PDB file of all heavy atoms in Angstrom:
ATOM      1  N   GLU A   1     -40.163  33.197  56.947  1.00  0.00           N
ATOM      2  CA  GLU A   1     -40.379  32.424  58.150  1.00  0.00           C
ATOM      3  C   GLU A   1     -41.845  31.973  58.235  1.00  0.00           C
ATOM      4  O   GLU A   1     -42.744  32.785  58.199  1.00  0.00           O
ATOM      5  CB  GLU A   1     -39.995  33.260  59.382  1.00  0.00           C
ATOM      6  CG  GLU A   1     -40.247  32.556  60.708  1.00  0.00           C
ATOM      7  CD  GLU A   1     -40.113  33.493  61.904  1.00  0.00           C
ATOM      8  OE1 GLU A   1     -39.822  34.703  61.648  1.00  0.00           O
ATOM      9  OE2 GLU A   1     -40.296  33.055  63.031  1.00  0.00           O
ATOM     10  N   SER A   2     -42.042  30.674  58.405  1.00  0.00           N
ATOM     11  CA  SER A   2     -43.402  30.174  58.538  1.00  0.00           C
ATOM     12  C   SER A   2     -43.879  30.426  59.974  1.00  0.00           C
ATOM     13  O   SER A   2     -43.236  30.132  60.945  1.00  0.00           O
ATOM     14  CB  SER A   2     -43.410  28.654  58.272  1.00  0.00           C
ATOM     15  OG  SER A   2     -44.712  28.103  58.564  1.00  0.00           O
ATOM     16  N   LEU A   3     -45.094  31.043  60.051  1.00  0.00           N
ATOM     17  CA  LEU A   3     -45.724  31.290  61.327  1.00  0.00           C
ATOM     18  C   LEU A   3     -46.847  30.303  61.605  1.00  0.00           C
ATOM     19  O   LEU A   3     -47.606  30.500  62.570  1.00  0.00           O
ATOM     20  CB  LEU A   3     -46.262  32.750  61.366  1.00  0.00           C
ATOM     21  CG  LEU A   3     -45.246  33.845  61.079  1.00  0.00           C
ATOM     22  CD1 LEU A   3     -45.890  35.200  61.161  1.00  0.00           C
ATOM     23  CD2 LEU A   3     -44.033  33.762  62.026  1.00  0.00           C
ATOM     24  N   GLY A   4     -47.044  29.322  60.723  1.00  0.00           N
ATOM     25  CA  GLY A   4     -48.095  28.336  60.870  1.00  0.00           C
ATOM     26  C   GLY A   4     -49.357  28.795  60.167  1.00  0.00           C
ATOM     27  O   GLY A   4     -49.521  29.979  59.790  1.00  0.00           O
ATOM     28  N   ASP A   5     -50.271  27.850  59.959  1.00  0.00           N
ATOM     29  CA  ASP A   5     -51.550  28.123  59.266  1.00  0.00           C
ATOM     30  C   ASP A   5     -51.383  28.757  57.910  1.00  0.00           C
ATOM     31  O   ASP A   5     -52.210  29.549  57.463  1.00  0.00           O
ATOM     32  CB  ASP A   5     -52.453  29.031  60.135  1.00  0.00           C
ATOM     33  CG  ASP A   5     -52.847  28.397  61.448  1.00  0.00           C
ATOM     34  OD1 ASP A   5     -53.049  27.171  61.467  1.00  0.00           O
ATOM     35  OD2 ASP A   5     -52.912  29.098  62.464  1.00  0.00           O
ATOM     36  N   GLY A   6     -50.305  28.373  57.203  1.00  0.00           N
ATOM     37  CA  GLY A   6     -50.067  28.890  55.857  1.00  0.00           C
ATOM     38  C   GLY A   6     -49.607  30.316  55.786  1.00  0.00           C
ATOM     39  O   GLY A   6     -49.672  30.950  54.729  1.00  0.00           O
ATOM     40  N   ILE A   7     -49.171  30.897  56.907  1.00  0.00           N
ATOM     41  CA  ILE A   7     -48.752  32.277  56.949  1.00  0.00           C
ATOM     42  C   ILE A   7     -47.238  32.380  57.055  1.00  0.00           C
ATOM     43  O   ILE A   7     -46.598  31.667  57.858  1.00  0.00           O
ATOM     44  CB  ILE A   7     -49.408  33.005  58.136  1.00  0.00           C
ATOM     45  CG1 ILE A   7     -50.945  32.890  58.074  1.00  0.00           C
ATOM     46  CG2 ILE A   7     -48.961  34.468  58.233  1.00  0.00           C
ATOM     47  CD1 ILE A   7     -51.670  33.346  59.317  1.00  0.00           C
ATOM     48  N   TYR A   8     -46.619  33.254  56.256  1.00  0.00           N
ATOM     49  CA  TYR A   8     -45.169  33.458  56.256  1.00  0.00           C
ATOM     50  C   TYR A   8     -44.868  34.937  56.413  1.00  0.00           C
ATOM     51  O   TYR A   8     -45.536  35.800  55.843  1.00  0.00           O
ATOM     52  CB  TYR A   8     -44.551  32.963  54.936  1.00  0.00           C
ATOM     53  CG  TYR A   8     -44.734  31.501  54.696  1.00  0.00           C
ATOM     54  CD1 TYR A   8     -45.929  30.971  54.192  1.00  0.00           C
ATOM     55  CD2 TYR A   8     -43.675  30.600  54.913  1.00  0.00           C
ATOM     56  CE1 TYR A   8     -46.117  29.624  53.944  1.00  0.00           C
ATOM     57  CE2 TYR A   8     -43.820  29.239  54.637  1.00  0.00           C
ATOM     58  CZ  TYR A   8     -45.008  28.760  54.199  1.00  0.00           C
ATOM     59  OH  TYR A   8     -45.203  27.416  53.932  1.00  0.00           O
ATOM     60  N   ARG A   9     -43.846  35.233  57.215  1.00  0.00           N
ATOM     61  CA  ARG A   9     -43.265  36.588  57.217  1.00  0.00           C
ATOM     62  C   ARG A   9     -42.188  36.616  56.173  1.00  0.00           C
ATOM     63  O   ARG A   9     -41.206  35.859  56.199  1.00  0.00           O
ATOM     64  CB  ARG A   9     -42.693  36.924  58.598  1.00  0.00           C
ATOM     65  CG  ARG A   9     -42.205  38.380  58.669  1.00  0.00           C
ATOM     66  CD  ARG A   9     -41.557  38.666  60.009  1.00  0.00           C
ATOM     67  NE  ARG A   9     -41.010  40.011  60.052  1.00  0.00           N
ATOM     68  CZ  ARG A   9     -41.649  41.024  60.626  1.00  0.00           C
ATOM     69  NH1 ARG A   9     -42.783  40.816  61.277  1.00  0.00           N
ATOM     70  NH2 ARG A   9     -41.110  42.276  60.609  1.00  0.00           N
ATOM     71  N   VAL A  10     -42.345  37.499  55.154  1.00  0.00           N
ATOM     72  CA  VAL A  10     -41.508  37.468  53.974  1.00  0.00           C
ATOM     73  C   VAL A  10     -40.142  38.070  54.292  1.00  0.00           C
ATOM     74  O   VAL A  10     -39.993  39.182  54.802  1.00  0.00           O
ATOM     75  CB  VAL A  10     -42.162  38.251  52.813  1.00  0.00           C
ATOM     76  CG1 VAL A  10     -41.236  38.375  51.624  1.00  0.00           C
ATOM     77  CG2 VAL A  10     -43.466  37.578  52.403  1.00  0.00           C
ATOM     78  N   ASP A  11     -39.086  37.325  53.925  1.00  0.00           N
ATOM     79  CA  ASP A  11     -37.690  37.803  54.004  1.00  0.00           C
ATOM     80  C   ASP A  11     -37.163  38.184  52.616  1.00  0.00           C
ATOM     81  O   ASP A  11     -36.318  39.077  52.507  1.00  0.00           O
ATOM     82  CB  ASP A  11     -36.814  36.728  54.616  1.00  0.00           C
ATOM     83  CG  ASP A  11     -37.181  36.348  56.040  1.00  0.00           C
ATOM     84  OD1 ASP A  11     -37.585  37.286  56.766  1.00  0.00           O
ATOM     85  OD2 ASP A  11     -37.085  35.175  56.378  1.00  0.00           O
ATOM     86  N   ASP A  12     -37.614  37.467  51.602  1.00  0.00           N
ATOM     87  CA  ASP A  12     -37.035  37.680  50.249  1.00  0.00           C
ATOM     88  C   ASP A  12     -38.128  37.484  49.234  1.00  0.00           C
ATOM     89  O   ASP A  12     -39.028  36.629  49.376  1.00  0.00           O
ATOM     90  CB  ASP A  12     -35.906  36.684  50.037  1.00  0.00           C
ATOM     91  CG  ASP A  12     -35.096  37.000  48.781  1.00  0.00           C
ATOM     92  OD1 ASP A  12     -35.153  38.161  48.311  1.00  0.00           O
ATOM     93  OD2 ASP A  12     -34.414  36.078  48.278  1.00  0.00           O
ATOM     94  N   MET A  13     -38.077  38.278  48.148  1.00  0.00           N
ATOM     95  CA  MET A  13     -38.996  38.133  47.017  1.00  0.00           C
ATOM     96  C   MET A  13     -38.213  38.367  45.754  1.00  0.00           C
ATOM     97  O   MET A  13     -37.423  39.295  45.620  1.00  0.00           O
ATOM     98  CB  MET A  13     -40.152  39.180  47.103  1.00  0.00           C
ATOM     99  CG  MET A  13     -40.905  39.207  48.404  1.00  0.00           C
ATOM    100  SD  MET A  13     -42.171  40.476  48.454  1.00  0.00           S
ATOM    101  CE  MET A  13     -43.464  39.677  47.563  1.00  0.00           C
ATOM    102  N   VAL A  14     -38.412  37.480  44.776  1.00  0.00           N
ATOM    103  CA  VAL A  14     -37.734  37.596  43.474  1.00  0.00           C
ATOM    104  C   VAL A  14     -38.756  37.433  42.360  1.00  0.00           C
ATOM    105  O   VAL A  14     -39.596  36.501  42.403  1.00  0.00           O
ATOM    106  CB  VAL A  14     -36.624  36.516  43.338  1.00  0.00           C
ATOM    107  CG1 VAL A  14     -35.863  36.735  42.027  1.00  0.00           C
ATOM    108  CG2 VAL A  14     -35.665  36.562  44.533  1.00  0.00           C
ATOM    109  N   GLU A  15     -38.723  38.308  41.373  1.00  0.00           N
ATOM    110  CA  GLU A  15     -39.631  38.233  40.268  1.00  0.00           C
ATOM    111  C   GLU A  15     -39.068  37.388  39.138  1.00  0.00           C
ATOM    112  O   GLU A  15     -37.954  37.634  38.673  1.00  0.00           O
ATOM    113  CB  GLU A  15     -39.953  39.655  39.735  1.00  0.00           C
ATOM    114  CG  GLU A  15     -40.943  39.695  38.582  1.00  0.00           C
ATOM    115  CD  GLU A  15     -42.327  39.257  38.946  1.00  0.00           C
ATOM    116  OE1 GLU A  15     -42.718  39.354  40.144  1.00  0.00           O
ATOM    117  OE2 GLU A  15     -43.081  38.783  38.082  1.00  0.00           O
ATOM    118  N   LYS A  16     -39.818  36.350  38.784  1.00  0.00           N
ATOM    119  CA  LYS A  16     -39.451  35.472  37.651  1.00  0.00           C
ATOM    120  C   LYS A  16     -38.014  34.978  37.696  1.00  0.00           C
ATOM    121  O   LYS A  16     -37.253  35.180  36.765  1.00  0.00           O
ATOM    122  CB  LYS A  16     -39.755  36.183  36.325  1.00  0.00           C
ATOM    123  CG  LYS A  16     -41.214  36.476  36.083  1.00  0.00           C
ATOM    124  CD  LYS A  16     -41.424  37.150  34.734  1.00  0.00           C
ATOM    125  CE  LYS A  16     -42.920  37.359  34.439  1.00  0.00           C
ATOM    126  NZ  LYS A  16     -43.631  38.197  35.402  1.00  0.00           N
ATOM    127  N   PRO A  17     -37.637  34.303  38.787  1.00  0.00           N
ATOM    128  CA  PRO A  17     -36.249  33.837  38.896  1.00  0.00           C
ATOM    129  C   PRO A  17     -36.012  32.605  38.049  1.00  0.00           C
ATOM    130  O   PRO A  17     -36.946  31.830  37.766  1.00  0.00           O
ATOM    131  CB  PRO A  17     -36.094  33.521  40.372  1.00  0.00           C
ATOM    132  CG  PRO A  17     -37.487  33.060  40.775  1.00  0.00           C
ATOM    133  CD  PRO A  17     -38.430  33.964  39.972  1.00  0.00           C
ATOM    134  N   ALA A  18     -34.769  32.393  37.644  1.00  0.00           N
ATOM    135  CA  ALA A  18     -34.374  31.114  37.090  1.00  0.00           C
ATOM    136  C   ALA A  18     -34.539  30.084  38.199  1.00  0.00           C
ATOM    137  O   ALA A  18     -34.406  30.370  39.368  1.00  0.00           O
ATOM    138  CB  ALA A  18     -32.955  31.188  36.582  1.00  0.00           C
ATOM    139  N   GLN A  19     -34.741  28.819  37.768  1.00  0.00           N
ATOM    140  CA  GLN A  19     -35.001  27.746  38.755  1.00  0.00           C
ATOM    141  C   GLN A  19     -33.891  27.707  39.773  1.00  0.00           C
ATOM    142  O   GLN A  19     -34.162  27.523  40.975  1.00  0.00           O
ATOM    143  CB  GLN A  19     -35.130  26.413  37.980  1.00  0.00           C
ATOM    144  CG  GLN A  19     -35.450  25.226  38.934  1.00  0.00           C
ATOM    145  CD  GLN A  19     -35.763  23.980  38.141  1.00  0.00           C
ATOM    146  OE1 GLN A  19     -36.252  24.049  37.011  1.00  0.00           O
ATOM    147  NE2 GLN A  19     -35.484  22.825  38.698  1.00  0.00           N
ATOM    148  N   GLU A  20     -32.636  27.798  39.371  1.00  0.00           N
ATOM    149  CA  GLU A  20     -31.511  27.703  40.283  1.00  0.00           C
ATOM    150  C   GLU A  20     -31.393  28.887  41.252  1.00  0.00           C
ATOM    151  O   GLU A  20     -30.707  28.816  42.261  1.00  0.00           O
ATOM    152  CB  GLU A  20     -30.191  27.485  39.518  1.00  0.00           C
ATOM    153  CG  GLU A  20     -29.833  28.626  38.571  1.00  0.00           C
ATOM    154  CD  GLU A  20     -30.425  28.449  37.159  1.00  0.00           C
ATOM    155  OE1 GLU A  20     -31.370  27.623  36.995  1.00  0.00           O
ATOM    156  OE2 GLU A  20     -29.949  29.117  36.250  1.00  0.00           O
ATOM    157  N   ASP A  21     -32.074  29.992  40.916  1.00  0.00           N
ATOM    158  CA  ASP A  21     -31.999  31.184  41.729  1.00  0.00           C
ATOM    159  C   ASP A  21     -33.227  31.402  42.596  1.00  0.00           C
ATOM    160  O   ASP A  21     -33.255  32.338  43.423  1.00  0.00           O
ATOM    161  CB  ASP A  21     -31.823  32.437  40.835  1.00  0.00           C
ATOM    162  CG  ASP A  21     -30.527  32.395  40.021  1.00  0.00           C
ATOM    163  OD1 ASP A  21     -29.530  31.871  40.562  1.00  0.00           O
ATOM    164  OD2 ASP A  21     -30.565  32.907  38.898  1.00  0.00           O
ATOM    165  N   ALA A  22     -34.210  30.557  42.438  1.00  0.00           N
ATOM    166  CA  ALA A  22     -35.484  30.729  43.195  1.00  0.00           C
ATOM    167  C   ALA A  22     -35.274  30.440  44.666  1.00  0.00           C
ATOM    168  O   ALA A  22     -34.678  29.395  45.024  1.00  0.00           O
ATOM    169  CB  ALA A  22     -36.554  29.838  42.619  1.00  0.00           C
ATOM    170  N   PRO A  23     -35.749  31.322  45.576  1.00  0.00           N
ATOM    171  CA  PRO A  23     -35.557  31.064  47.013  1.00  0.00           C
ATOM    172  C   PRO A  23     -36.479  30.004  47.557  1.00  0.00           C
ATOM    173  O   PRO A  23     -36.276  29.528  48.650  1.00  0.00           O
ATOM    174  CB  PRO A  23     -35.895  32.449  47.626  1.00  0.00           C
ATOM    175  CG  PRO A  23     -36.807  33.084  46.633  1.00  0.00           C
ATOM    176  CD  PRO A  23     -36.366  32.613  45.296  1.00  0.00           C
ATOM    177  N   SER A  24     -37.513  29.619  46.793  1.00  0.00           N
ATOM    178  CA  SER A  24     -38.440  28.561  47.192  1.00  0.00           C
ATOM    179  C   SER A  24     -39.352  28.241  46.008  1.00  0.00           C
ATOM    180  O   SER A  24     -39.127  28.733  44.901  1.00  0.00           O
ATOM    181  CB  SER A  24     -39.328  29.021  48.401  1.00  0.00           C
ATOM    182  OG  SER A  24     -40.311  29.980  47.961  1.00  0.00           O
ATOM    183  N   ASN A  25     -40.350  27.468  46.251  1.00  0.00           N
ATOM    184  CA  ASN A  25     -41.359  27.238  45.208  1.00  0.00           C
ATOM    185  C   ASN A  25     -42.692  27.845  45.583  1.00  0.00           C
ATOM    186  O   ASN A  25     -43.765  27.454  45.091  1.00  0.00           O
ATOM    187  CB  ASN A  25     -41.548  25.754  44.897  1.00  0.00           C
ATOM    188  CG  ASN A  25     -42.203  24.997  46.070  1.00  0.00           C
ATOM    189  OD1 ASN A  25     -42.068  25.387  47.235  1.00  0.00           O
ATOM    190  ND2 ASN A  25     -42.959  23.927  45.763  1.00  0.00           N
ATOM    191  N   LEU A  26     -42.657  28.860  46.505  1.00  0.00           N
ATOM    192  CA  LEU A  26     -43.882  29.535  46.931  1.00  0.00           C
ATOM    193  C   LEU A  26     -44.103  30.756  46.050  1.00  0.00           C
ATOM    194  O   LEU A  26     -43.420  31.772  46.140  1.00  0.00           O
ATOM    195  CB  LEU A  26     -43.732  29.974  48.404  1.00  0.00           C
ATOM    196  CG  LEU A  26     -43.626  28.824  49.412  1.00  0.00           C
ATOM    197  CD1 LEU A  26     -43.323  29.373  50.822  1.00  0.00           C
ATOM    198  CD2 LEU A  26     -44.893  27.983  49.402  1.00  0.00           C
ATOM    199  N   ALA A  27     -45.056  30.616  45.155  1.00  0.00           N
ATOM    200  CA  ALA A  27     -45.279  31.614  44.068  1.00  0.00           C
ATOM    201  C   ALA A  27     -46.420  32.573  44.453  1.00  0.00           C
ATOM    202  O   ALA A  27     -47.432  32.137  44.967  1.00  0.00           O
ATOM    203  CB  ALA A  27     -45.576  30.928  42.753  1.00  0.00           C
ATOM    204  N   ILE A  28     -46.205  33.822  44.128  1.00  0.00           N
ATOM    205  CA  ILE A  28     -47.259  34.831  44.324  1.00  0.00           C
ATOM    206  C   ILE A  28     -48.267  34.729  43.210  1.00  0.00           C
ATOM    207  O   ILE A  28     -47.951  34.648  42.035  1.00  0.00           O
ATOM    208  CB  ILE A  28     -46.669  36.232  44.341  1.00  0.00           C
ATOM    209  CG1 ILE A  28     -45.576  36.358  45.420  1.00  0.00           C
ATOM    210  CG2 ILE A  28     -47.744  37.325  44.562  1.00  0.00           C
ATOM    211  CD1 ILE A  28     -44.776  37.625  45.347  1.00  0.00           C
ATOM    212  N   ILE A  29     -49.572  34.693  43.580  1.00  0.00           N
ATOM    213  CA  ILE A  29     -50.613  34.720  42.580  1.00  0.00           C
ATOM    214  C   ILE A  29     -51.380  36.035  42.690  1.00  0.00           C
ATOM    215  O   ILE A  29     -51.091  36.873  43.557  1.00  0.00           O
ATOM    216  CB  ILE A  29     -51.558  33.487  42.685  1.00  0.00           C
ATOM    217  CG1 ILE A  29     -52.323  33.471  44.030  1.00  0.00           C
ATOM    218  CG2 ILE A  29     -50.726  32.211  42.544  1.00  0.00           C
ATOM    219  CD1 ILE A  29     -53.751  33.870  43.912  1.00  0.00           C
ATOM    220  N   GLY A  30     -52.364  36.244  41.851  1.00  0.00           N
ATOM    221  CA  GLY A  30     -52.933  37.548  41.636  1.00  0.00           C
ATOM    222  C   GLY A  30     -53.924  38.056  42.701  1.00  0.00           C
ATOM    223  O   GLY A  30     -55.022  38.555  42.358  1.00  0.00           O
ATOM    224  N   ARG A  31     -53.508  38.009  43.956  1.00  0.00           N
ATOM    225  CA  ARG A  31     -54.285  38.579  45.046  1.00  0.00           C
ATOM    226  C   ARG A  31     -53.306  39.256  46.025  1.00  0.00           C
ATOM    227  O   ARG A  31     -52.337  38.636  46.489  1.00  0.00           O
ATOM    228  CB  ARG A  31     -55.075  37.515  45.828  1.00  0.00           C
ATOM    229  CG  ARG A  31     -56.080  36.729  45.005  1.00  0.00           C
ATOM    230  CD  ARG A  31     -57.243  37.604  44.515  1.00  0.00           C
ATOM    231  NE  ARG A  31     -58.246  36.807  43.834  1.00  0.00           N
ATOM    232  CZ  ARG A  31     -58.200  36.468  42.548  1.00  0.00           C
ATOM    233  NH1 ARG A  31     -57.179  36.808  41.798  1.00  0.00           N
ATOM    234  NH2 ARG A  31     -59.179  35.769  42.010  1.00  0.00           N
ATOM    235  N   TYR A  32     -53.556  40.537  46.301  1.00  0.00           N
ATOM    236  CA  TYR A  32     -52.721  41.289  47.198  1.00  0.00           C
ATOM    237  C   TYR A  32     -53.616  42.147  48.102  1.00  0.00           C
ATOM    238  O   TYR A  32     -54.694  42.589  47.696  1.00  0.00           O
ATOM    239  CB  TYR A  32     -51.818  42.260  46.421  1.00  0.00           C
ATOM    240  CG  TYR A  32     -50.950  41.677  45.331  1.00  0.00           C
ATOM    241  CD1 TYR A  32     -51.499  41.324  44.116  1.00  0.00           C
ATOM    242  CD2 TYR A  32     -49.581  41.495  45.529  1.00  0.00           C
ATOM    243  CE1 TYR A  32     -50.695  40.778  43.105  1.00  0.00           C
ATOM    244  CE2 TYR A  32     -48.776  40.954  44.521  1.00  0.00           C
ATOM    245  CZ  TYR A  32     -49.350  40.627  43.319  1.00  0.00           C
ATOM    246  OH  TYR A  32     -48.550  40.106  42.301  1.00  0.00           O
ATOM    247  N   ILE A  33     -53.117  42.421  49.269  1.00  0.00           N
ATOM    248  CA  ILE A  33     -53.619  43.551  50.096  1.00  0.00           C
ATOM    249  C   ILE A  33     -52.404  44.415  50.336  1.00  0.00           C
ATOM    250  O   ILE A  33     -51.374  43.951  50.818  1.00  0.00           O
ATOM    251  CB  ILE A  33     -54.294  43.104  51.374  1.00  0.00           C
ATOM    252  CG1 ILE A  33     -55.642  42.478  51.058  1.00  0.00           C
ATOM    253  CG2 ILE A  33     -54.474  44.275  52.348  1.00  0.00           C
ATOM    254  CD1 ILE A  33     -56.430  42.010  52.242  1.00  0.00           C
ATOM    255  N   LEU A  34     -52.503  45.712  49.997  1.00  0.00           N
ATOM    256  CA  LEU A  34     -51.379  46.605  50.058  1.00  0.00           C
ATOM    257  C   LEU A  34     -51.680  47.807  50.952  1.00  0.00           C
ATOM    258  O   LEU A  34     -52.783  48.358  50.933  1.00  0.00           O
ATOM    259  CB  LEU A  34     -51.008  47.121  48.652  1.00  0.00           C
ATOM    260  CG  LEU A  34     -50.705  46.040  47.609  1.00  0.00           C
ATOM    261  CD1 LEU A  34     -50.482  46.652  46.259  1.00  0.00           C
ATOM    262  CD2 LEU A  34     -49.506  45.157  48.009  1.00  0.00           C
ATOM    263  N   THR A  35     -50.669  48.175  51.722  1.00  0.00           N
ATOM    264  CA  THR A  35     -50.821  49.442  52.508  1.00  0.00           C
ATOM    265  C   THR A  35     -50.410  50.615  51.612  1.00  0.00           C
ATOM    266  O   THR A  35     -49.614  50.442  50.649  1.00  0.00           O
ATOM    267  CB  THR A  35     -49.918  49.360  53.753  1.00  0.00           C
ATOM    268  OG1 THR A  35     -48.586  48.986  53.378  1.00  0.00           O
ATOM    269  CG2 THR A  35     -50.465  48.326  54.747  1.00  0.00           C
ATOM    270  N   PRO A  36     -50.933  51.794  51.895  1.00  0.00           N
ATOM    271  CA  PRO A  36     -50.743  52.909  50.933  1.00  0.00           C
ATOM    272  C   PRO A  36     -49.285  53.361  50.757  1.00  0.00           C
ATOM    273  O   PRO A  36     -49.015  53.984  49.709  1.00  0.00           O
ATOM    274  CB  PRO A  36     -51.603  54.022  51.532  1.00  0.00           C
ATOM    275  CG  PRO A  36     -51.806  53.675  52.953  1.00  0.00           C
ATOM    276  CD  PRO A  36     -51.793  52.182  52.992  1.00  0.00           C
TER     277      PRO A  36
END
């Protein structure tokens, strides 16, 4: 869900999907902040 200003609340994540299975074209790049 888009919350505006380029921010999304994630509902689904798929690693390396086939084009027909991709939930969007919003790709994760190599920056994360993770909780422990």
